[in-house]
């Protein structure tokens, strides 16, 4: 074969072989970088998850504290209302106890007055009846 063709074939084979070696060397070094980047990403992800758990626990604790505070306030309001209701009931009972005897006296007086009024009315009707008989 011609030495020029052999030189060209040798050059092409050298280029192909050199390109393959270069590709393998770059892929190994970039593969290491990719692997390091993936490991770094995993580490950052784990840290973020740990922080998220801590934040979640903090928020849950805050919510529980707020709930307890609101419950305590609600219980105080209920107790105050119950005190007010009891006080009003006692006031009512006391008022009723003082007015009940007076009401009974008023009822008796009203009843006796009605009786007298009916008696007088009947007498008046009778006297009117006699007057009419006497006139006729």
N, C-alpha and C. Protein backbone atom coordinates (compact mmCIF):
# COMPACT_ATOMS: atom_id res chain seq x y z
N UNK A 1 0.81 -1.16 0.00
CA UNK A 1 0.00 0.00 0.00
C UNK A 1 0.87 1.24 0.00
N UNK A 2 0.23 2.16 -0.35
CA UNK A 2 0.90 3.45 -0.53
C UNK A 2 1.15 4.06 0.86
N UNK A 3 2.32 4.63 1.07
CA UNK A 3 2.62 5.16 2.41
C UNK A 3 1.69 6.34 2.77
N UNK A 4 1.20 7.07 1.84
CA UNK A 4 0.31 8.21 2.13
C UNK A 4 -1.03 7.66 2.67
N UNK A 5 -1.53 6.64 2.05
CA UNK A 5 -2.81 6.07 2.49
C UNK A 5 -2.61 5.47 3.89
N UNK A 6 -1.49 4.80 4.09
CA UNK A 6 -1.24 4.23 5.42
C UNK A 6 -1.13 5.35 6.46
N UNK A 7 -0.56 6.43 6.12
CA UNK A 7 -0.42 7.55 7.05
C UNK A 7 -1.81 8.13 7.37
N UNK A 8 -2.63 8.25 6.33
CA UNK A 8 -3.99 8.79 6.53
C UNK A 8 -4.78 7.82 7.41
N UNK A 9 -4.69 6.53 7.16
CA UNK A 9 -5.42 5.54 7.95
C UNK A 9 -4.91 5.57 9.39
N UNK A 10 -3.61 5.67 9.57
CA UNK A 10 -3.02 5.72 10.91
C UNK A 10 -3.48 6.99 11.63
N UNK A 11 -3.56 8.10 10.92
CA UNK A 11 -4.00 9.37 11.52
C UNK A 11 -5.47 9.27 11.95
N UNK A 12 -6.29 8.70 11.06
CA UNK A 12 -7.73 8.55 11.39
C UNK A 12 -7.87 7.62 12.60
N UNK A 13 -7.15 6.50 12.62
CA UNK A 13 -7.22 5.56 13.74
C UNK A 13 -6.74 6.24 15.02
N UNK A 14 -5.72 7.06 14.93
CA UNK A 14 -5.20 7.79 16.10
C UNK A 14 -6.23 8.78 16.62
N UNK A 15 -6.89 9.46 15.68
CA UNK A 15 -7.92 10.43 16.09
C UNK A 15 -9.09 9.72 16.81
N UNK A 16 -9.51 8.59 16.22
CA UNK A 16 -10.62 7.85 16.82
C UNK A 16 -10.22 7.34 18.20
N UNK A 17 -9.03 6.76 18.30
CA UNK A 17 -8.56 6.23 19.56
C UNK A 17 -8.37 7.35 20.59
N UNK A 18 -7.81 8.47 20.17
CA UNK A 18 -7.60 9.63 21.07
C UNK A 18 -8.94 10.22 21.53
N UNK A 19 -9.89 10.29 20.60
CA UNK A 19 -11.23 10.80 20.96
C UNK A 19 -11.90 9.91 21.99
N UNK A 20 -11.79 8.60 21.81
CA UNK A 20 -12.39 7.65 22.76
C UNK A 20 -11.77 7.78 24.14
N UNK A 21 -10.44 7.87 24.16
CA UNK A 21 -9.75 8.00 25.45
C UNK A 21 -10.14 9.33 26.12
N UNK A 22 -10.19 10.39 25.34
CA UNK A 22 -10.57 11.70 25.89
C UNK A 22 -12.01 11.67 26.42
N UNK A 23 -12.90 11.03 25.66
CA UNK A 23 -14.30 10.93 26.08
C UNK A 23 -14.41 10.18 27.40
N UNK A 24 -13.66 9.07 27.51
CA UNK A 24 -13.71 8.28 28.73
C UNK A 24 -13.13 9.06 29.92
N UNK A 25 -12.07 9.79 29.68
CA UNK A 25 -11.45 10.56 30.76
C UNK A 25 -12.39 11.68 31.22
N UNK A 26 -13.02 12.34 30.27
CA UNK A 26 -13.95 13.43 30.63
C UNK A 26 -15.19 12.89 31.33
N UNK A 27 -15.68 11.78 30.85
CA UNK A 27 -16.89 11.23 31.46
C UNK A 27 -16.61 10.78 32.89
N UNK A 28 -15.41 10.24 33.14
CA UNK A 28 -15.07 9.84 34.49
C UNK A 28 -14.94 11.06 35.40
N UNK A 29 -14.30 12.08 34.92
CA UNK A 29 -14.12 13.27 35.76
C UNK A 29 -15.45 14.01 35.93
N UNK A 30 -16.25 14.09 34.89
CA UNK A 30 -17.55 14.76 35.01
C UNK A 30 -18.53 13.87 35.77
N UNK A 31 -18.37 12.56 35.63
CA UNK A 31 -19.21 11.63 36.39
C UNK A 31 -18.94 11.78 37.87
N UNK A 32 -17.74 12.02 38.24
CA UNK A 32 -17.38 12.25 39.64
C UNK A 32 -18.00 13.56 40.13
N UNK A 33 -18.00 14.54 39.23
CA UNK A 33 -18.60 15.83 39.60
C UNK A 33 -20.11 15.68 39.77
N UNK A 34 -20.71 14.92 38.86
CA UNK A 34 -22.15 14.69 38.94
C UNK A 34 -22.48 13.94 40.22
N UNK A 35 -21.69 12.95 40.52
CA UNK A 35 -21.92 12.16 41.72
C UNK A 35 -21.76 13.03 42.98
N UNK A 36 -20.74 13.88 42.96
CA UNK A 36 -20.54 14.79 44.10
C UNK A 36 -21.70 15.77 44.23
N UNK A 37 -22.19 16.25 43.09
CA UNK A 37 -23.33 17.18 43.10
C UNK A 37 -24.59 16.47 43.61
N UNK A 38 -24.80 15.21 43.22
CA UNK A 38 -25.94 14.45 43.69
C UNK A 38 -25.86 14.23 45.21
N UNK A 39 -24.67 13.91 45.69
CA UNK A 39 -24.48 13.72 47.13
C UNK A 39 -24.74 15.02 47.88
N UNK A 40 -24.27 16.13 47.32
CA UNK A 40 -24.49 17.44 47.93
C UNK A 40 -25.99 17.76 47.97
N UNK A 41 -26.67 17.42 46.88
CA UNK A 41 -28.12 17.67 46.80
C UNK A 41 -28.85 16.82 47.84
N UNK A 42 -28.44 15.58 48.01
CA UNK A 42 -29.06 14.71 49.02
C UNK A 42 -28.84 15.27 50.43
N UNK A 43 -27.63 15.77 50.66
CA UNK A 43 -27.31 16.35 51.96
C UNK A 43 -28.18 17.59 52.24
N UNK A 44 -28.31 18.45 51.24
CA UNK A 44 -29.14 19.65 51.38
C UNK A 44 -30.61 19.25 51.61
N UNK A 45 -31.06 18.25 50.89
CA UNK A 45 -32.43 17.77 51.04
C UNK A 45 -32.69 17.23 52.45
N UNK A 46 -31.74 16.46 52.98
CA UNK A 46 -31.88 15.93 54.34
C UNK A 46 -31.92 17.06 55.37
N UNK A 47 -31.06 18.06 55.19
CA UNK A 47 -31.06 19.21 56.11
C UNK A 47 -32.40 19.96 56.04
N UNK A 48 -32.91 20.13 54.83
CA UNK A 48 -34.19 20.83 54.66
C UNK A 48 -35.32 20.05 55.32
N UNK A 49 -35.30 18.72 55.17
CA UNK A 49 -36.33 17.90 55.81
C UNK A 49 -36.24 18.00 57.33
N UNK A 50 -35.03 18.00 57.86
CA UNK A 50 -34.84 18.11 59.31
C UNK A 50 -35.36 19.47 59.80
N UNK A 51 -35.06 20.53 59.06
CA UNK A 51 -35.55 21.86 59.44
C UNK A 51 -37.07 21.91 59.34
N UNK A 52 -37.62 21.27 58.34
CA UNK A 52 -39.08 21.26 58.18
C UNK A 52 -39.74 20.54 59.36
N UNK A 53 -39.16 19.45 59.81
CA UNK A 53 -39.70 18.73 60.96
C UNK A 53 -39.64 19.60 62.22
N UNK A 54 -38.53 20.29 62.41
CA UNK A 54 -38.40 21.17 63.56
C UNK A 54 -39.45 22.28 63.51
N UNK A 55 -39.61 22.88 62.32
CA UNK A 55 -40.60 23.94 62.15
C UNK A 55 -42.01 23.41 62.39
N UNK A 56 -42.29 22.21 61.91
CA UNK A 56 -43.60 21.60 62.09
C UNK A 56 -43.90 21.40 63.57
N UNK A 57 -42.90 20.88 64.31
CA UNK A 57 -43.07 20.67 65.74
C UNK A 57 -43.30 21.99 66.46
N UNK A 58 -42.55 23.03 66.07
CA UNK A 58 -42.72 24.35 66.68
C UNK A 58 -44.13 24.90 66.43
N UNK A 59 -44.60 24.78 65.21
CA UNK A 59 -45.94 25.29 64.87
C UNK A 59 -47.02 24.49 65.61
N UNK A 60 -46.84 23.19 65.73
CA UNK A 60 -47.81 22.38 66.46
C UNK A 60 -47.84 22.80 67.93
N UNK A 61 -46.67 23.04 68.51
CA UNK A 61 -46.60 23.48 69.90
C UNK A 61 -47.27 24.84 70.06
N UNK A 62 -47.02 25.77 69.14
CA UNK A 62 -47.66 27.08 69.18
C UNK A 62 -49.18 26.95 69.08
N UNK A 63 -49.63 26.08 68.20
CA UNK A 63 -51.08 25.88 68.04
C UNK A 63 -51.68 25.31 69.32
N UNK A 64 -51.01 24.37 69.94
CA UNK A 64 -51.52 23.79 71.19
C UNK A 64 -51.58 24.85 72.29
N UNK A 65 -50.53 25.69 72.36
CA UNK A 65 -50.52 26.75 73.37
C UNK A 65 -51.67 27.74 73.13
N UNK A 66 -51.89 28.10 71.88
CA UNK A 66 -52.97 29.02 71.53
C UNK A 66 -54.32 28.40 71.88
N UNK A 67 -54.49 27.13 71.56
CA UNK A 67 -55.74 26.42 71.89
C UNK A 67 -55.96 26.42 73.40
N UNK A 68 -54.92 26.14 74.15
CA UNK A 68 -55.04 26.11 75.61
C UNK A 68 -55.42 27.49 76.14
N UNK A 69 -54.79 28.53 75.58
CA UNK A 69 -55.09 29.91 76.00
C UNK A 69 -56.56 30.24 75.71
N UNK A 70 -57.03 29.92 74.51
CA UNK A 70 -58.42 30.19 74.14
C UNK A 70 -59.39 29.40 75.01
N UNK A 71 -59.04 28.15 75.29
CA UNK A 71 -59.89 27.31 76.14
C UNK A 71 -59.97 27.89 77.54
N UNK A 72 -58.87 28.36 78.07
CA UNK A 72 -58.85 28.95 79.40
C UNK A 72 -59.73 30.20 79.44
N UNK A 73 -59.61 31.06 78.42
CA UNK A 73 -60.45 32.25 78.34
C UNK A 73 -61.93 31.87 78.25
N UNK A 74 -62.23 30.87 77.45
CA UNK A 74 -63.61 30.42 77.29
C UNK A 74 -64.17 29.90 78.63
N UNK A 75 -63.36 29.11 79.34
CA UNK A 75 -63.79 28.58 80.63
C UNK A 75 -64.05 29.71 81.63
N UNK A 76 -63.20 30.76 81.59
CA UNK A 76 -63.41 31.91 82.48
C UNK A 76 -64.72 32.61 82.14
N UNK A 77 -64.98 32.80 80.85
CA UNK A 77 -66.23 33.45 80.43
C UNK A 77 -67.44 32.63 80.87
N UNK A 78 -67.36 31.33 80.71
CA UNK A 78 -68.47 30.45 81.11
C UNK A 78 -68.69 30.56 82.63
N UNK A 79 -67.61 30.55 83.39
CA UNK A 79 -67.73 30.64 84.85
C UNK A 79 -68.36 31.98 85.25
N UNK A 80 -67.94 33.07 84.58
CA UNK A 80 -68.53 34.38 84.88
C UNK A 80 -70.02 34.39 84.56
N UNK A 81 -70.39 33.83 83.43
CA UNK A 81 -71.80 33.78 83.06
C UNK A 81 -72.61 32.95 84.05
N UNK A 82 -72.05 31.83 84.46
CA UNK A 82 -72.75 30.99 85.44
C UNK A 82 -72.92 31.73 86.76
N UNK A 83 -71.88 32.49 87.19
CA UNK A 83 -72.00 33.29 88.41
C UNK A 83 -73.11 34.31 88.26
N UNK A 84 -73.15 34.96 87.10
CA UNK A 84 -74.18 35.97 86.85
C UNK A 84 -75.57 35.35 86.87
N UNK A 85 -75.72 34.17 86.28
CA UNK A 85 -77.01 33.48 86.27
C UNK A 85 -77.43 33.13 87.69
N UNK A 86 -76.51 32.61 88.49
CA UNK A 86 -76.83 32.26 89.87
C UNK A 86 -77.21 33.52 90.65
N UNK A 87 -76.47 34.60 90.44
CA UNK A 87 -76.78 35.85 91.13
C UNK A 87 -78.17 36.35 90.74
N UNK A 88 -78.50 36.28 89.46
CA UNK A 88 -79.82 36.71 88.99
C UNK A 88 -80.92 35.82 89.57
N UNK A 89 -80.67 34.51 89.63
CA UNK A 89 -81.66 33.60 90.21
C UNK A 89 -81.88 33.91 91.68
N UNK A 90 -80.79 34.18 92.40
CA UNK A 90 -80.91 34.51 93.82
C UNK A 90 -81.68 35.82 94.01
N UNK A 91 -81.39 36.80 93.16
CA UNK A 91 -82.10 38.07 93.20
C UNK A 91 -83.59 37.86 92.97
N UNK A 92 -83.90 37.03 91.98
CA UNK A 92 -85.30 36.75 91.65
C UNK A 92 -86.00 36.06 92.82
N UNK A 93 -85.33 35.06 93.40
CA UNK A 93 -85.92 34.34 94.53
C UNK A 93 -86.14 35.28 95.71
N UNK A 94 -85.17 36.14 95.96
CA UNK A 94 -85.29 37.07 97.07
C UNK A 94 -86.44 38.05 96.82
N UNK A 95 -86.52 38.57 95.61
CA UNK A 95 -87.59 39.50 95.26
C UNK A 95 -88.95 38.83 95.38
N UNK A 96 -89.03 37.60 94.92
CA UNK A 96 -90.28 36.86 94.96
C UNK A 96 -90.69 36.58 96.40
N UNK A 97 -89.69 36.27 97.23
CA UNK A 97 -89.98 35.99 98.64
C UNK A 97 -90.53 37.23 99.34
N UNK A 98 -90.02 38.40 98.98
CA UNK A 98 -90.50 39.62 99.63
C UNK A 98 -91.83 40.09 99.05
N UNK A 99 -92.07 39.84 97.78
CA UNK A 99 -93.32 40.31 97.17
C UNK A 99 -94.45 39.30 97.30
N UNK A 100 -94.18 38.07 97.56
CA UNK A 100 -95.22 37.05 97.62
C UNK A 100 -96.23 37.31 98.76
N UNK A 101 -95.78 37.61 99.98
CA UNK A 101 -96.76 37.92 101.03
C UNK A 101 -97.61 39.15 100.67
N UNK A 102 -96.99 40.15 100.09
CA UNK A 102 -97.74 41.34 99.69
C UNK A 102 -98.77 40.99 98.62
N UNK A 103 -98.41 40.13 97.70
CA UNK A 103 -99.34 39.69 96.67
C UNK A 103 -100.52 38.94 97.28
N UNK A 104 -100.25 38.10 98.27
CA UNK A 104 -101.34 37.36 98.91
C UNK A 104 -102.28 38.31 99.62
N UNK A 105 -101.73 39.32 100.29
CA UNK A 105 -102.56 40.32 100.97
C UNK A 105 -103.40 41.08 99.95
N UNK A 106 -102.78 41.45 98.82
CA UNK A 106 -103.49 42.17 97.76
C UNK A 106 -104.60 41.31 97.19
N UNK A 107 -104.35 40.02 97.01
CA UNK A 107 -105.37 39.12 96.48
C UNK A 107 -106.55 39.03 97.45
N UNK A 108 -106.25 38.89 98.76
CA UNK A 108 -107.30 38.80 99.76
C UNK A 108 -108.13 40.09 99.80
N UNK A 109 -107.44 41.21 99.75
CA UNK A 109 -108.13 42.50 99.79
C UNK A 109 -108.99 42.66 98.56
N UNK A 110 -108.45 42.33 97.40
CA UNK A 110 -109.20 42.45 96.16
C UNK A 110 -110.41 41.53 96.17
N UNK A 111 -110.25 40.34 96.68
CA UNK A 111 -111.35 39.37 96.75
C UNK A 111 -112.46 39.89 97.68
N UNK A 112 -112.07 40.40 98.84
CA UNK A 112 -113.09 40.91 99.78
C UNK A 112 -113.76 42.16 99.22
N UNK A 113 -113.02 43.00 98.52
CA UNK A 113 -113.63 44.18 97.90
C UNK A 113 -114.62 43.78 96.83
N UNK A 114 -114.29 42.75 96.06
CA UNK A 114 -115.21 42.28 95.02
C UNK A 114 -116.48 41.74 95.65
N UNK A 115 -116.34 41.03 96.76
CA UNK A 115 -117.52 40.51 97.44
C UNK A 115 -118.43 41.65 97.90
N UNK A 116 -117.81 42.66 98.54
CA UNK A 116 -118.58 43.81 99.01
C UNK A 116 -119.26 44.52 97.86
N UNK A 117 -118.52 44.64 96.76
CA UNK A 117 -119.07 45.33 95.59
C UNK A 117 -120.28 44.57 95.06
N UNK A 118 -120.21 43.25 95.01
CA UNK A 118 -121.34 42.46 94.54
C UNK A 118 -122.53 42.59 95.49
N UNK A 119 -122.23 42.59 96.77
CA UNK A 119 -123.30 42.73 97.75
C UNK A 119 -124.01 44.07 97.60
N UNK A 120 -123.25 45.14 97.46
CA UNK A 120 -123.83 46.47 97.30
C UNK A 120 -124.60 46.55 95.99
N UNK A 121 -124.05 45.91 94.96
CA UNK A 121 -124.72 45.92 93.66
C UNK A 121 -126.06 45.21 93.76
N UNK A 122 -126.08 44.08 94.45
CA UNK A 122 -127.33 43.32 94.62
C UNK A 122 -128.35 44.14 95.43
N UNK A 123 -127.88 44.83 96.49
CA UNK A 123 -128.78 45.66 97.29
C UNK A 123 -129.35 46.79 96.44
N UNK A 124 -128.47 47.35 95.62
CA UNK A 124 -128.91 48.46 94.76
C UNK A 124 -129.96 47.98 93.77
N UNK A 125 -129.73 46.81 93.19
CA UNK A 125 -130.69 46.25 92.23
C UNK A 125 -132.02 45.98 92.91
N UNK A 126 -131.98 45.47 94.14
CA UNK A 126 -133.21 45.19 94.88
C UNK A 126 -133.96 46.48 95.19
N UNK A 127 -133.23 47.48 95.59
CA UNK A 127 -133.89 48.74 95.93
C UNK A 127 -134.50 49.39 94.70
N UNK A 128 -133.84 49.23 93.54
CA UNK A 128 -134.40 49.76 92.29
C UNK A 128 -135.66 48.97 91.94
N UNK A 129 -135.62 47.67 92.17
CA UNK A 129 -136.78 46.83 91.90
C UNK A 129 -137.96 47.24 92.78
N UNK A 130 -137.77 47.57 94.05
CA UNK A 130 -138.85 47.99 94.95
C UNK A 130 -139.40 49.33 94.55
N UNK A 131 -138.47 50.18 94.10
CA UNK A 131 -138.93 51.50 93.67
C UNK A 131 -139.85 51.36 92.46
N UNK A 132 -139.53 50.51 91.59
CA UNK A 132 -140.36 50.33 90.39
C UNK A 132 -141.70 49.72 90.76
N UNK A 133 -141.68 48.79 91.68
CA UNK A 133 -142.95 48.17 92.14
C UNK A 133 -143.81 49.22 92.81
N UNK A 134 -143.22 50.07 93.60
CA UNK A 134 -143.95 51.08 94.33
C UNK A 134 -144.55 52.10 93.37
N UNK A 135 -143.86 52.39 92.28
CA UNK A 135 -144.35 53.36 91.30
C UNK A 135 -145.48 52.76 90.50
N UNK A 136 -145.52 51.51 90.29
CA UNK A 136 -146.57 50.94 89.47
C UNK A 136 -147.81 50.77 90.21
